[in-house]
Protein backbone atom coordinates (compact mmCIF):
# COMPACT_ATOMS: atom_id res chain seq x y z
CA MET A 1 307.07 -82.79 181.34
CA ALA A 2 308.48 -81.07 178.27
CA ALA A 3 306.72 -77.98 176.99
CA LEU A 4 305.01 -78.18 173.62
CA PRO A 5 306.59 -76.11 170.83
CA ARG A 6 304.74 -72.92 170.09
CA GLY A 7 304.33 -70.61 167.14
CA ARG A 8 307.26 -70.60 164.77
CA GLU A 9 308.94 -73.61 166.27
CA LEU A 10 305.91 -75.80 165.64
CA PHE A 11 305.71 -74.74 161.99
CA ALA A 12 309.46 -75.00 161.49
CA GLY A 13 309.14 -78.71 162.51
CA LEU A 14 306.18 -79.09 160.10
CA ARG A 15 308.20 -77.58 157.30
CA LEU A 16 311.04 -80.02 157.97
CA PHE A 17 308.64 -82.95 157.99
CA VAL A 18 307.06 -81.79 154.72
CA ALA A 19 310.43 -81.31 153.05
CA THR A 20 311.78 -84.73 154.03
CA THR A 21 308.56 -86.57 153.17
CA ALA A 22 308.27 -84.74 149.84
CA ASN A 23 311.54 -86.35 148.80
CA ARG A 24 309.86 -89.75 149.35
CA GLY A 25 307.06 -88.70 147.07
CA ILE A 26 309.56 -87.83 144.32
CA ALA A 27 311.16 -91.24 144.75
CA MET A 28 307.82 -92.88 144.39
CA LEU A 29 307.19 -91.00 141.10
CA LYS A 30 310.64 -92.12 139.94
CA TRP A 31 309.72 -95.74 140.59
CA ALA A 32 306.32 -95.30 138.91
CA LEU A 33 308.19 -93.93 135.80
CA ILE A 34 310.59 -96.89 135.92
CA PHE A 35 307.77 -99.39 136.07
CA PHE A 36 306.01 -97.57 133.21
CA VAL A 37 309.04 -97.79 131.00
CA VAL A 38 309.52 -101.54 131.86
CA SER A 39 305.83 -102.05 130.96
CA LEU A 40 306.32 -100.33 127.56
CA ILE A 41 309.42 -102.35 126.77
CA ALA A 42 307.74 -105.64 127.88
CA GLY A 43 304.65 -104.85 125.78
CA PHE A 44 306.79 -104.06 122.80
CA LEU A 45 308.60 -107.41 123.15
CA GLY A 46 305.33 -109.27 123.47
CA PHE A 47 305.37 -110.10 127.21
CA SER A 48 301.74 -109.04 127.81
CA GLY A 49 301.60 -110.52 131.32
CA VAL A 50 304.66 -108.67 132.53
CA SER A 51 303.52 -105.54 130.74
CA ALA A 52 300.08 -105.57 132.52
CA ALA A 53 301.68 -106.32 135.92
CA THR A 54 304.16 -103.46 135.69
CA ALA A 55 301.59 -101.08 134.31
CA GLY A 56 299.39 -101.81 137.36
CA ILE A 57 302.26 -101.16 139.73
CA ALA A 58 303.08 -97.89 137.98
CA LYS A 59 299.44 -96.81 138.17
CA ILE A 60 299.22 -97.59 141.94
CA LEU A 61 302.55 -95.76 142.70
CA PHE A 62 301.44 -92.75 140.72
CA TYR A 63 298.14 -92.49 142.61
CA ILE A 64 299.92 -92.78 145.97
CA ALA A 65 302.39 -90.09 145.02
CA LEU A 66 299.57 -87.90 143.89
CA ALA A 67 297.75 -88.37 147.21
CA VAL A 68 300.91 -87.56 149.20
CA PHE A 69 301.43 -84.42 147.07
CA LEU A 70 297.94 -83.21 147.69
CA ILE A 71 298.11 -83.83 151.44
CA PHE A 72 301.35 -81.91 151.74
CA LEU A 73 300.05 -79.14 149.55
CA VAL A 74 297.17 -78.67 151.95
CA LEU A 75 299.51 -78.78 154.97
CA ALA A 76 301.79 -76.27 153.44
CA PHE A 77 298.95 -73.82 152.85
CA MET A 78 297.67 -74.34 156.40
CA ALA A 79 301.13 -73.76 157.86
CA GLY A 80 301.64 -70.66 155.70
CA SER A 81 298.35 -69.07 156.66
CA ALA A 82 298.81 -69.77 160.39
CA ILE A 83 302.16 -67.91 160.51
CA VAL A 84 300.83 -64.71 158.90
C-alpha cells in the first residue's frame, strides 16, 4: 500500500490541481465572452431568437466560471493557511 503524501507534498499537488483547473475557468470565461459578442451581433442584425439563446449560454457559462473561481479561491486560502 502506498503511503499518503504529507505536509508540503500534499499541498504542492493541490496547487498544481488548482493551477491546471484555473486555466479551464479562464477558457470558460472566454467562451462566455464569445457567446455574448455573438448575442450582441445577432441582436443588432434582428435575429432575436439566436440572440436570446446565445445570451442564455453566455450567462450560464459566466456563472459556472464564477463558481469555479470562488471554489478555488477558498481552496487556495485553505492551502495557504495550512502550510504556515
